[in-house]
N, C-alpha and C. Protein backbone atom coordinates (compact mmCIF):
# COMPACT_ATOMS: atom_id res chain seq x y z
N MET A 1 -72.29 -17.64 -32.94
CA MET A 1 -71.66 -18.71 -32.20
C MET A 1 -71.31 -19.78 -32.66
N ARG A 2 -70.64 -20.46 -31.61
CA ARG A 2 -69.88 -21.83 -31.79
C ARG A 2 -70.07 -22.43 -31.02
N MET A 3 -69.56 -23.71 -30.83
CA MET A 3 -69.74 -24.82 -30.02
C MET A 3 -68.04 -25.20 -29.88
N ILE A 4 -67.63 -25.46 -28.91
CA ILE A 4 -66.22 -26.06 -28.93
C ILE A 4 -66.18 -26.73 -27.64
N GLU A 5 -65.39 -28.40 -27.79
CA GLU A 5 -65.36 -29.07 -26.94
C GLU A 5 -63.95 -28.95 -26.04
N ILE A 6 -64.50 -28.96 -24.71
CA ILE A 6 -63.28 -28.72 -23.68
C ILE A 6 -62.83 -30.42 -23.20
N LEU A 7 -62.20 -30.43 -22.18
CA LEU A 7 -61.27 -31.74 -21.86
C LEU A 7 -62.44 -32.69 -21.84
N ASN A 8 -63.26 -32.36 -20.82
CA ASN A 8 -64.19 -33.51 -20.20
C ASN A 8 -65.34 -33.84 -21.40
N GLY A 9 -65.49 -33.49 -22.90
CA GLY A 9 -65.89 -33.68 -23.47
C GLY A 9 -67.29 -32.72 -23.46
N LEU A 10 -67.42 -31.99 -22.47
CA LEU A 10 -68.59 -30.86 -22.65
C LEU A 10 -68.14 -29.70 -23.73
N LYS A 11 -69.26 -29.09 -24.61
CA LYS A 11 -69.68 -28.64 -25.51
C LYS A 11 -69.68 -27.60 -25.19
N ILE A 12 -68.89 -26.26 -25.39
CA ILE A 12 -69.46 -24.87 -24.57
C ILE A 12 -69.68 -23.94 -25.96
N PRO A 13 -70.53 -23.27 -25.59
CA PRO A 13 -70.84 -21.96 -26.50
C PRO A 13 -70.18 -21.13 -26.76
N ILE A 14 -69.40 -20.56 -27.57
CA ILE A 14 -68.69 -19.18 -27.49
C ILE A 14 -69.13 -18.22 -28.38
N SER A 15 -68.51 -16.88 -28.39
CA SER A 15 -69.05 -15.84 -29.52
C SER A 15 -68.21 -15.99 -30.20
N ASN A 16 -68.14 -15.42 -32.05
CA ASN A 16 -67.80 -15.43 -32.45
C ASN A 16 -66.41 -14.48 -32.37
N GLU A 17 -66.15 -13.33 -31.42
CA GLU A 17 -65.05 -12.45 -30.87
C GLU A 17 -64.31 -13.71 -29.75
N GLU A 18 -65.11 -14.70 -29.20
CA GLU A 18 -64.13 -15.10 -28.47
C GLU A 18 -62.92 -16.39 -29.26
N PHE A 19 -63.87 -16.49 -30.29
CA PHE A 19 -63.40 -17.83 -31.01
C PHE A 19 -62.05 -16.66 -31.80
N GLU A 20 -62.55 -15.97 -32.13
CA GLU A 20 -61.61 -15.10 -32.87
C GLU A 20 -60.16 -15.10 -32.28
N PHE A 21 -60.29 -14.60 -30.90
CA PHE A 21 -59.27 -14.55 -29.92
C PHE A 21 -58.59 -15.91 -29.31
N LEU A 22 -59.65 -17.21 -29.40
CA LEU A 22 -58.60 -18.16 -29.14
C LEU A 22 -57.62 -18.57 -30.23
N LYS A 23 -57.82 -18.33 -31.80
CA LYS A 23 -57.14 -18.59 -32.54
C LYS A 23 -55.64 -18.41 -32.38
N LYS A 24 -55.32 -16.86 -31.39
CA LYS A 24 -54.42 -16.45 -31.07
C LYS A 24 -53.30 -17.57 -30.60
N PHE A 25 -54.01 -18.51 -29.30
CA PHE A 25 -53.32 -19.44 -29.12
C PHE A 25 -53.21 -20.95 -29.77
N SER A 26 -53.34 -20.93 -30.97
CA SER A 26 -52.63 -22.50 -32.07
C SER A 26 -51.30 -21.73 -32.39
N LYS A 27 -50.86 -20.58 -32.02
CA LYS A 27 -49.72 -20.41 -32.49
C LYS A 27 -48.58 -19.81 -31.38
N ILE A 28 -49.25 -19.25 -30.13
CA ILE A 28 -48.47 -19.13 -29.09
C ILE A 28 -48.68 -20.13 -28.14
N LEU A 29 -48.18 -20.24 -26.92
CA LEU A 29 -48.38 -21.06 -26.02
C LEU A 29 -49.21 -20.24 -24.62
N GLU A 30 -49.04 -19.22 -24.11
CA GLU A 30 -49.32 -18.36 -23.25
C GLU A 30 -49.10 -16.57 -23.78
N ILE A 31 -50.14 -16.01 -23.41
CA ILE A 31 -50.09 -14.20 -23.47
C ILE A 31 -50.27 -13.74 -22.80
N SER A 32 -49.56 -12.97 -22.58
CA SER A 32 -49.16 -12.06 -21.38
C SER A 32 -50.16 -10.88 -21.04
N LYS A 33 -51.16 -10.34 -19.65
CA LYS A 33 -51.77 -9.62 -19.82
C LYS A 33 -51.56 -8.22 -20.65
N SER A 34 -49.98 -7.90 -20.33
CA SER A 34 -50.01 -6.54 -20.61
C SER A 34 -50.08 -6.38 -22.07
N LEU A 35 -49.74 -7.52 -23.10
CA LEU A 35 -50.23 -7.58 -24.25
C LEU A 35 -51.39 -7.31 -25.17
N LEU A 36 -52.29 -7.12 -24.05
CA LEU A 36 -53.84 -7.24 -24.52
C LEU A 36 -54.26 -5.59 -24.24
N SER A 37 -55.31 -5.49 -25.65
CA SER A 37 -56.08 -4.45 -25.47
C SER A 37 -57.23 -4.82 -23.89
N GLU A 38 -57.93 -3.35 -23.87
CA GLU A 38 -58.77 -3.66 -22.52
C GLU A 38 -59.47 -4.65 -23.27
N ARG A 39 -60.35 -4.81 -24.24
CA ARG A 39 -61.30 -5.41 -24.45
C ARG A 39 -61.05 -7.35 -24.64
N GLU A 40 -60.11 -7.49 -24.97
CA GLU A 40 -59.12 -8.87 -24.97
C GLU A 40 -58.65 -8.50 -23.68
N GLN A 41 -58.33 -8.23 -22.63
CA GLN A 41 -58.54 -9.06 -21.57
C GLN A 41 -59.55 -9.62 -20.85
N TYR A 42 -60.67 -8.53 -21.58
CA TYR A 42 -62.32 -8.93 -20.90
C TYR A 42 -62.53 -10.12 -21.65
N ILE A 43 -61.99 -10.31 -22.93
CA ILE A 43 -62.62 -11.87 -23.54
C ILE A 43 -62.10 -12.65 -22.87
N ALA A 44 -60.74 -12.55 -22.49
CA ALA A 44 -59.76 -13.43 -21.74
C ALA A 44 -60.42 -14.12 -20.53
N ASN A 45 -60.77 -13.13 -19.48
CA ASN A 45 -61.61 -13.15 -18.49
C ASN A 45 -62.46 -13.57 -18.82
N GLN A 46 -63.57 -13.81 -19.84
CA GLN A 46 -64.43 -14.54 -19.94
C GLN A 46 -64.35 -16.27 -20.41
N LEU A 47 -63.19 -16.15 -21.06
CA LEU A 47 -63.01 -17.23 -21.23
C LEU A 47 -62.53 -18.33 -20.26
N VAL A 48 -61.52 -17.57 -18.95
CA VAL A 48 -61.38 -18.39 -18.17
C VAL A 48 -62.66 -18.73 -17.13
N ILE A 49 -63.24 -17.85 -17.14
CA ILE A 49 -64.88 -18.31 -16.90
C ILE A 49 -65.10 -19.79 -17.11
N LYS A 50 -65.13 -19.87 -18.36
CA LYS A 50 -65.62 -20.84 -19.28
C LYS A 50 -64.92 -22.20 -19.09
N ASP A 51 -63.55 -21.75 -18.71
CA ASP A 51 -62.64 -23.16 -18.39
C ASP A 51 -61.96 -23.57 -19.45
N ILE A 52 -61.91 -22.26 -20.56
CA ILE A 52 -61.33 -22.64 -22.00
C ILE A 52 -59.73 -22.06 -21.50
N LEU A 53 -59.65 -21.12 -21.35
CA LEU A 53 -58.29 -20.19 -20.55
C LEU A 53 -58.01 -20.47 -19.34
N GLN A 54 -56.81 -20.33 -18.53
CA GLN A 54 -56.14 -20.46 -17.56
C GLN A 54 -55.19 -19.24 -17.25
N ARG A 55 -55.79 -18.63 -15.97
CA ARG A 55 -55.06 -17.43 -15.81
C ARG A 55 -53.85 -17.57 -14.92
N GLN A 56 -52.77 -17.16 -14.56
CA GLN A 56 -51.99 -17.63 -14.00
C GLN A 56 -50.62 -15.96 -13.58
N ASN A 57 -50.22 -16.37 -12.38
CA ASN A 57 -49.79 -14.98 -11.73
C ASN A 57 -48.67 -15.51 -11.81
N ILE A 58 -47.46 -15.29 -12.59
CA ILE A 58 -46.07 -15.88 -12.29
C ILE A 58 -45.00 -14.75 -11.69
N ASP A 59 -44.55 -14.71 -11.09
CA ASP A 59 -43.65 -13.43 -10.70
C ASP A 59 -44.19 -12.07 -10.43
N GLY A 60 -45.49 -11.58 -10.44
CA GLY A 60 -46.16 -10.52 -10.40
C GLY A 60 -46.77 -10.20 -11.90
N LYS A 61 -46.53 -10.98 -12.82
CA LYS A 61 -46.75 -10.82 -14.36
C LYS A 61 -48.53 -12.02 -14.38
N ILE A 62 -49.21 -11.69 -15.04
CA ILE A 62 -50.26 -12.12 -15.50
C ILE A 62 -50.39 -12.71 -16.78
N ILE A 63 -50.51 -14.26 -16.79
CA ILE A 63 -50.58 -14.73 -18.05
C ILE A 63 -51.80 -15.74 -18.43
N TYR A 64 -52.27 -15.39 -19.93
CA TYR A 64 -53.28 -16.34 -19.53
C TYR A 64 -52.52 -17.69 -20.79
N LYS A 65 -53.22 -19.23 -20.42
CA LYS A 65 -52.71 -20.11 -21.26
C LYS A 65 -54.07 -21.10 -21.57
N LYS A 66 -53.58 -21.47 -22.84
CA LYS A 66 -55.03 -22.55 -23.46
C LYS A 66 -55.03 -23.83 -22.14
N ILE A 67 -56.38 -24.15 -21.59
CA ILE A 67 -56.20 -25.45 -20.57
C ILE A 67 -56.34 -26.53 -21.51
N THR A 68 -55.11 -27.18 -21.46
CA THR A 68 -55.00 -28.84 -22.44
C THR A 68 -54.69 -29.87 -21.75
N SER A 69 -55.32 -31.01 -22.25
CA SER A 69 -54.86 -32.09 -21.35
C SER A 69 -53.51 -32.75 -21.09
N LYS A 70 -53.14 -33.11 -19.41
CA LYS A 70 -52.04 -33.45 -19.69
C LYS A 70 -51.70 -34.81 -19.82
């Protein structure tokens, strides 16, 4: 279990598996859902619920992006 800080300063607990998945976003700004395994899609959805990732539908293609400050 790890704690990460989201935009408004709140610390959110995430699992080690979620943390490892988030490492992908240090090199890539967005990831298409079609490139993810079924398990990774589940993890991505859990991170959307926790307000760590954002899910967007662009031209019928679902992508995940890390939420960052503007």
